[in-house]
C-alpha cells in the first residue's frame, strides 16, 4: 500500500526563462510564468502529473547530475532546441540542455511517441536495489530488475505516469540535486520510514512555502505536500 503519491517534477535553472523554453518544447508541454514571477515557470498539459516546475536558483551546475530525464526524441530535434550531443550509447544518446544538465535521447520510438515525450526519470544510486525498494514501498510499486545490470525500475503505474529508473554508480551524492520530485503524503510517516528532514516549511525564508523538504536514504531531496494542501 502506498503512503505517498507522486505529484510533479522540479528542475533548477540558473536562468529560468531559458530552461523553461527548452524543456517545455523538449517535453511537449506548455510553459507559463508562475504568477508574477519571472524566475518560476510551470510546464503543463492536461494531465496534472505531467507538471514540471522550473525554479531559478543562484548556483550553477557544477557536477554530473544524479537525477536526469530520458526522452523519446531524436538528437536533431533536441539540438534544434539548444541541446548538445555528448556521448552515444547502445540505443540512446547522452545530451546536455542549454545549462549543461544531462539528459538522454531515445530516438527509436520518437516517431511513435505522442506530444508528451518524457520516458523515464533516472536516479543514480550507490545502492540501486535499496533505493528502488524504498521508493517502491512509498509509492506502492514493486521494483523490477532490468537487463541483469543492477538497474531497477518502478512504474509506470500507480501515481507514476512514466518509469523511474535507479542506476548503480560508485560515487555518493555530494551536492543538492538540480532535479527533484514532489509527493503528496504525510511528513511524519515518511520520516518514520527512513527519510530525513532537510527543511520544515516553518523554517523556509519564503512565507509562501507550504511544503516540507525531505531527503530519501540516498540523500535525494523531495518535497512533501499534505493531502489537504493540494
Protein backbone atom coordinates (compact mmCIF):
# COMPACT_ATOMS: atom_id res chain seq x y z
CA UNK A 1 0.00 0.00 0.00
CA UNK A 2 1.35 3.42 -0.96
CA UNK A 3 1.99 6.01 1.72
CA UNK A 4 2.82 8.75 -0.82
CA UNK A 5 1.74 9.76 -4.32
CA UNK A 6 3.89 11.32 -7.00
CA UNK A 7 2.86 14.94 -7.63
CA UNK A 8 5.24 16.65 -10.09
CA UNK A 9 8.86 17.32 -11.09
CA UNK A 10 11.04 20.35 -10.37
CA UNK A 11 14.10 21.46 -12.36
CA UNK A 12 16.54 24.08 -11.05
CA UNK A 13 17.76 26.64 -13.57
CA UNK A 14 20.37 29.38 -13.50
CA UNK A 15 18.18 31.29 -15.96
CA UNK A 16 14.55 30.28 -15.63
CA UNK A 17 13.21 31.56 -18.97
CA UNK A 18 15.91 29.73 -20.96
CA UNK A 19 15.28 26.32 -19.43
CA UNK A 20 11.50 26.84 -19.43
CA UNK A 21 11.63 27.41 -23.18
CA UNK A 22 13.88 24.40 -23.75
CA UNK A 23 12.12 21.89 -21.50
CA UNK A 24 8.59 22.85 -22.50
CA UNK A 25 9.43 22.17 -26.14
CA UNK A 26 11.50 19.06 -25.40
CA UNK A 27 8.79 17.50 -23.23
CA UNK A 28 5.80 18.62 -25.28
CA UNK A 29 4.37 20.87 -22.58
CA UNK A 30 3.03 24.42 -22.44
CA UNK A 31 5.02 27.00 -20.47
CA UNK A 32 3.65 29.83 -18.36
CA UNK A 33 5.16 32.10 -15.70
CA UNK A 34 4.04 31.20 -12.19
CA UNK A 35 2.15 34.26 -11.00
CA UNK A 36 4.09 37.49 -11.41
CA UNK A 37 7.45 35.74 -11.16
CA UNK A 38 9.97 35.73 -13.99
CA UNK A 39 12.03 33.13 -12.13
CA UNK A 40 9.47 30.30 -11.76
CA UNK A 41 7.67 28.65 -14.65
CA UNK A 42 5.02 25.94 -14.83
CA UNK A 43 5.24 23.47 -17.72
CA UNK A 44 1.98 21.61 -18.17
CA UNK A 45 -0.54 19.84 -20.35
CA UNK A 46 -3.95 18.40 -19.47
CA UNK A 47 -2.50 15.69 -17.17
CA UNK A 48 -1.70 17.12 -13.69
CA UNK A 49 1.13 14.63 -13.03
CA UNK A 50 2.94 15.77 -16.18
CA UNK A 51 3.59 19.13 -14.47
CA UNK A 52 7.20 20.33 -14.33
CA UNK A 53 8.26 23.41 -12.40
CA UNK A 54 11.32 25.42 -13.48
CA UNK A 55 12.82 27.21 -10.47
CA UNK A 56 15.55 29.80 -10.91
CA UNK A 57 18.41 29.34 -8.43
CA UNK A 58 21.66 31.30 -7.90
CA UNK A 59 24.08 28.38 -8.10
CA UNK A 60 25.14 26.88 -11.47
CA UNK A 61 25.53 23.21 -12.27
CA UNK A 62 28.98 22.06 -11.13
CA UNK A 63 28.90 18.23 -11.15
CA UNK A 64 27.22 15.43 -13.08
CA UNK A 65 23.54 15.37 -12.27
CA UNK A 66 22.45 12.35 -10.23
CA UNK A 67 18.89 12.77 -11.47
CA UNK A 68 18.13 13.25 -15.16
CA UNK A 69 15.33 12.79 -17.67
CA UNK A 70 15.11 10.34 -20.58
CA UNK A 71 13.06 11.46 -23.57
CA UNK A 72 11.55 9.88 -26.65
CA UNK A 73 13.23 12.29 -29.06
CA UNK A 74 15.82 12.43 -31.81
CA UNK A 75 19.17 14.12 -31.42
CA UNK A 76 18.30 16.52 -34.22
CA UNK A 77 15.06 17.56 -32.52
CA UNK A 78 16.82 18.35 -29.26
CA UNK A 79 19.77 20.06 -30.94
CA UNK A 80 17.32 22.34 -32.72
CA UNK A 81 16.02 23.38 -29.29
CA UNK A 82 19.50 24.17 -27.94
CA UNK A 83 20.77 20.85 -26.56
CA UNK A 84 24.19 19.45 -27.46
CA UNK A 85 25.11 15.81 -28.05
CA UNK A 86 27.68 14.31 -25.71
CA UNK A 87 28.06 10.51 -25.85
CA UNK A 88 26.35 7.85 -27.97
CA UNK A 89 25.42 4.69 -26.05
CA UNK A 90 23.64 1.47 -27.07
CA UNK A 91 20.26 2.83 -28.11
CA UNK A 92 20.38 6.29 -26.62
CA UNK A 93 22.48 9.46 -26.75
CA UNK A 94 23.60 11.41 -23.70
CA UNK A 95 22.97 15.10 -24.31
CA UNK A 96 23.15 18.36 -22.40
CA UNK A 97 20.50 21.02 -22.03
CA UNK A 98 21.40 24.72 -22.55
CA UNK A 99 22.81 24.92 -18.99
CA UNK A 100 24.84 21.72 -19.25
CA UNK A 101 22.43 19.42 -17.46
CA UNK A 102 22.45 15.82 -18.68
CA UNK A 103 19.51 14.21 -20.44
CA UNK A 104 19.19 11.16 -22.68
CA UNK A 105 17.54 10.96 -26.09
CA UNK A 106 15.96 7.66 -27.16
CA UNK A 107 15.32 8.12 -30.89
CA UNK A 108 14.00 4.65 -31.75
CA UNK A 109 10.43 5.39 -30.64
CA UNK A 110 10.44 9.14 -31.17
CA UNK A 111 8.23 8.90 -34.26
CA UNK A 112 5.64 6.85 -32.36
CA UNK A 113 5.59 8.99 -29.22
CA UNK A 114 2.75 11.39 -28.64
CA UNK A 115 3.15 15.08 -27.84
CA UNK A 116 4.34 14.26 -24.30
CA UNK A 117 7.91 12.97 -24.57
CA UNK A 118 9.09 12.03 -21.07
CA UNK A 119 10.16 8.39 -21.00
CA UNK A 120 11.83 7.98 -17.59
CA UNK A 121 13.15 9.72 -14.51
CA UNK A 122 16.64 8.30 -13.85
CA UNK A 123 18.22 8.34 -10.39
CA UNK A 124 21.90 7.48 -9.83
CA UNK A 125 22.21 5.42 -6.65
CA UNK A 126 25.02 3.93 -4.59
CA UNK A 127 22.60 1.09 -3.73
CA UNK A 128 20.06 0.95 -6.54
CA UNK A 129 18.28 -2.10 -5.12
CA UNK A 130 17.74 -0.44 -1.75
CA UNK A 131 16.77 2.92 -3.26
CA UNK A 132 14.20 1.36 -5.59
CA UNK A 133 12.82 -0.79 -2.77
CA UNK A 134 12.44 2.26 -0.53
CA UNK A 135 10.61 4.28 -3.16
CA UNK A 136 8.62 1.21 -4.17
CA UNK A 137 7.25 0.96 -0.65
CA UNK A 138 6.46 4.67 -0.58
CA UNK A 139 4.64 4.61 -3.94
CA UNK A 140 3.09 1.16 -3.65
CA UNK A 141 5.04 -0.31 -6.57
CA UNK A 142 7.20 -3.42 -6.92
CA UNK A 143 10.72 -2.81 -8.30
CA UNK A 144 11.78 -4.85 -11.31
CA UNK A 145 15.44 -5.58 -12.04
CA UNK A 146 16.38 -4.87 -15.66
CA UNK A 147 18.87 -6.44 -18.02
CA UNK A 148 20.97 -8.08 -15.32
CA UNK A 149 22.86 -4.81 -14.77
CA UNK A 150 21.60 -3.99 -11.35
CA UNK A 151 19.20 -1.41 -12.78
CA UNK A 152 15.79 -1.26 -11.12
CA UNK A 153 12.52 0.12 -12.46
CA UNK A 154 9.35 1.41 -10.83
CA UNK A 155 6.26 2.05 -12.93
CA UNK A 156 4.72 3.24 -14.99
CA UNK A 157 1.75 2.63 -12.75
CA UNK A 158 0.10 3.86 -9.60
CA UNK A 159 0.77 7.59 -9.39
CA UNK A 160 3.85 7.41 -11.68
CA UNK A 161 2.97 8.35 -15.29
CA UNK A 162 6.34 7.02 -16.56
CA UNK A 163 9.08 4.75 -15.30
CA UNK A 164 11.52 5.67 -12.56
CA UNK A 165 14.92 4.02 -13.05
CA UNK A 166 17.55 3.52 -10.34
CA UNK A 167 21.05 3.07 -11.79
CA UNK A 168 24.05 1.97 -9.69
CA UNK A 169 27.02 4.34 -9.55
CA UNK A 170 30.12 4.19 -7.31
CA UNK A 171 30.18 7.81 -6.19
CA UNK A 172 27.95 9.19 -3.41
CA UNK A 173 25.82 12.30 -3.72
CA UNK A 174 27.77 15.46 -2.83
CA UNK A 175 25.59 18.46 -3.78
CA UNK A 176 21.90 19.34 -3.95
CA UNK A 177 20.15 17.70 -6.89
CA UNK A 178 19.07 20.07 -9.64
CA UNK A 179 16.09 17.86 -10.47
CA UNK A 180 13.77 16.60 -7.74
CA UNK A 181 10.24 15.33 -7.39
CA UNK A 182 7.33 16.32 -5.18
CA UNK A 183 4.97 13.91 -3.45
CA UNK A 184 1.69 14.12 -1.60
CA UNK A 185 1.92 12.38 1.75
CA UNK A 186 2.48 12.64 5.48
CA UNK A 187 5.84 14.05 6.55
CA UNK A 188 5.84 12.16 9.83
CA UNK A 189 5.19 8.82 8.16
CA UNK A 190 7.97 9.42 5.65
CA UNK A 191 10.41 10.33 8.41
CA UNK A 192 9.43 7.17 10.28
CA UNK A 193 10.14 5.21 7.08
CA UNK A 194 13.73 6.47 6.91
CA UNK A 195 13.63 9.89 5.24
CA UNK A 196 15.45 12.82 6.83
CA UNK A 197 14.17 16.35 7.31
CA UNK A 198 16.08 18.93 5.25
CA UNK A 199 13.86 21.96 5.84
CA UNK A 200 10.46 22.10 7.54
CA UNK A 201 8.04 24.54 6.00
CA UNK A 202 8.16 26.82 9.04
CA UNK A 203 11.92 27.33 8.60
CA UNK A 204 11.69 28.43 4.97
CA UNK A 205 12.62 32.07 4.31
CA UNK A 206 9.71 32.21 1.85
CA UNK A 207 6.41 32.76 3.69
CA UNK A 208 4.50 31.23 0.77
CA UNK A 209 6.12 27.80 1.21
CA UNK A 210 3.61 25.22 2.49
CA UNK A 211 5.64 22.04 1.99
CA UNK A 212 8.44 20.25 3.81
CA UNK A 213 11.76 19.35 2.17
CA UNK A 214 12.95 15.83 2.94
CA UNK A 215 15.70 13.54 1.64
CA UNK A 216 15.48 9.83 0.95
CA UNK A 217 18.07 7.38 2.38
CA UNK A 218 20.43 8.16 -0.55
CA UNK A 219 20.15 11.89 0.15
CA UNK A 220 17.87 12.77 -2.79
CA UNK A 221 15.75 15.78 -1.97
CA UNK A 222 11.98 15.65 -2.39
CA UNK A 223 9.16 17.91 -1.24
CA UNK A 224 6.12 16.71 0.68
CA UNK A 225 2.70 18.30 0.35
CA UNK A 226 -0.09 17.41 2.76
CA UNK A 227 -3.20 15.99 1.03
CA UNK A 228 -5.35 18.91 2.18
CA UNK A 229 -2.93 21.41 0.60
CA UNK A 230 -3.03 20.07 -2.95
